């Protein structure tokens, strides 16, 4: 069964920049281009280039975060983790 929402955590070495358990879609870019993640996505690991990550929550609110690069992982079809330097 597909999870209803994603858990998103964006971190730097010194802080948790963002955390939510209500994300319904997420977009970012790696060397292959722009990609999207929805609940139930396969496990995934990629290196992000400089990009603007964007996500939508259950109420339809869209949020953004400018990244200078980082590492993104998706696990268990619901947990997105982005580790970046700043």
Protein backbone atom coordinates (compact mmCIF):
# COMPACT_ATOMS: atom_id res chain seq x y z
CA UNK A 1 0.00 0.00 0.00
CA UNK A 2 1.25 3.46 -0.92
CA UNK A 3 1.93 5.83 2.02
CA UNK A 4 -0.28 8.94 2.18
CA UNK A 5 2.59 11.41 2.68
CA UNK A 6 6.35 11.75 2.66
CA UNK A 7 8.62 12.68 5.53
CA UNK A 8 11.16 15.31 4.42
CA UNK A 9 14.23 16.34 6.41
CA UNK A 10 16.81 18.83 5.07
CA UNK A 11 20.00 19.14 7.12
CA UNK A 12 23.36 20.89 7.17
CA UNK A 13 26.24 19.74 9.38
CA UNK A 14 25.09 22.23 12.04
CA UNK A 15 21.30 22.32 11.83
CA UNK A 16 18.05 20.72 10.74
CA UNK A 17 16.88 23.30 8.21
CA UNK A 18 13.45 21.81 7.51
CA UNK A 19 11.36 18.89 8.76
CA UNK A 20 7.83 17.83 7.80
CA UNK A 21 5.77 14.65 7.71
CA UNK A 22 3.09 16.14 5.44
CA UNK A 23 4.86 16.36 2.06
CA UNK A 24 2.89 14.90 -0.86
CA UNK A 25 5.38 15.64 -3.68
CA UNK A 26 9.02 16.72 -3.97
CA UNK A 27 11.15 17.93 -6.91
CA UNK A 28 14.89 18.58 -7.29
CA UNK A 29 17.65 18.12 -9.90
CA UNK A 30 20.74 15.95 -10.22
CA UNK A 31 23.21 15.43 -13.09
CA UNK A 32 20.54 13.62 -15.14
CA UNK A 33 18.05 16.48 -14.80
CA UNK A 34 14.91 17.37 -12.89
CA UNK A 35 13.03 14.58 -11.09
CA UNK A 36 10.03 14.17 -8.82
CA UNK A 37 9.22 11.96 -5.86
CA UNK A 38 5.78 10.96 -4.58
CA UNK A 39 4.72 8.62 -1.78
CA UNK A 40 5.62 5.00 -2.60
CA UNK A 41 8.75 5.93 -4.61
CA UNK A 42 11.45 3.25 -4.89
CA UNK A 43 14.54 3.57 -2.70
CA UNK A 44 16.82 6.13 -4.31
CA UNK A 45 20.20 7.78 -3.75
CA UNK A 46 21.57 10.67 -5.78
CA UNK A 47 23.95 13.62 -5.63
CA UNK A 48 22.17 16.92 -6.15
CA UNK A 49 23.74 19.75 -8.07
CA UNK A 50 22.97 23.38 -7.39
CA UNK A 51 19.19 23.51 -7.65
CA UNK A 52 16.00 24.71 -6.08
CA UNK A 53 14.21 21.89 -4.28
CA UNK A 54 10.45 22.35 -4.06
CA UNK A 55 7.73 20.42 -2.34
CA UNK A 56 3.99 20.55 -1.81
CA UNK A 57 2.24 19.65 1.42
CA UNK A 58 -1.22 18.16 1.94
CA UNK A 59 -2.87 21.58 2.02
CA UNK A 60 -1.39 22.51 -1.37
CA UNK A 61 1.23 24.93 -0.05
CA UNK A 62 4.40 24.91 -2.15
CA UNK A 63 7.75 25.55 -0.42
CA UNK A 64 11.25 26.06 -1.82
CA UNK A 65 14.86 25.64 -0.69
CA UNK A 66 17.92 26.74 -2.71
CA UNK A 67 20.68 24.13 -2.52
CA UNK A 68 24.31 24.41 -3.58
CA UNK A 69 24.37 20.65 -3.87
CA UNK A 70 23.93 17.74 -1.51
CA UNK A 71 23.01 14.10 -1.17
CA UNK A 72 19.40 12.95 -1.37
CA UNK A 73 18.08 9.59 -0.21
CA UNK A 74 14.62 8.08 -0.39
CA UNK A 75 13.89 5.05 1.77
CA UNK A 76 10.83 2.90 2.38
CA UNK A 77 8.82 4.92 -0.13
CA UNK A 78 8.22 7.68 2.39
CA UNK A 79 11.43 9.09 3.91
CA UNK A 80 13.34 11.79 2.01
CA UNK A 81 16.58 13.04 3.50
CA UNK A 82 18.68 15.82 1.99
CA UNK A 83 22.13 16.47 3.45
CA UNK A 84 23.84 19.63 2.23
CA UNK A 85 26.73 21.83 3.31
CA UNK A 86 24.73 25.02 3.72
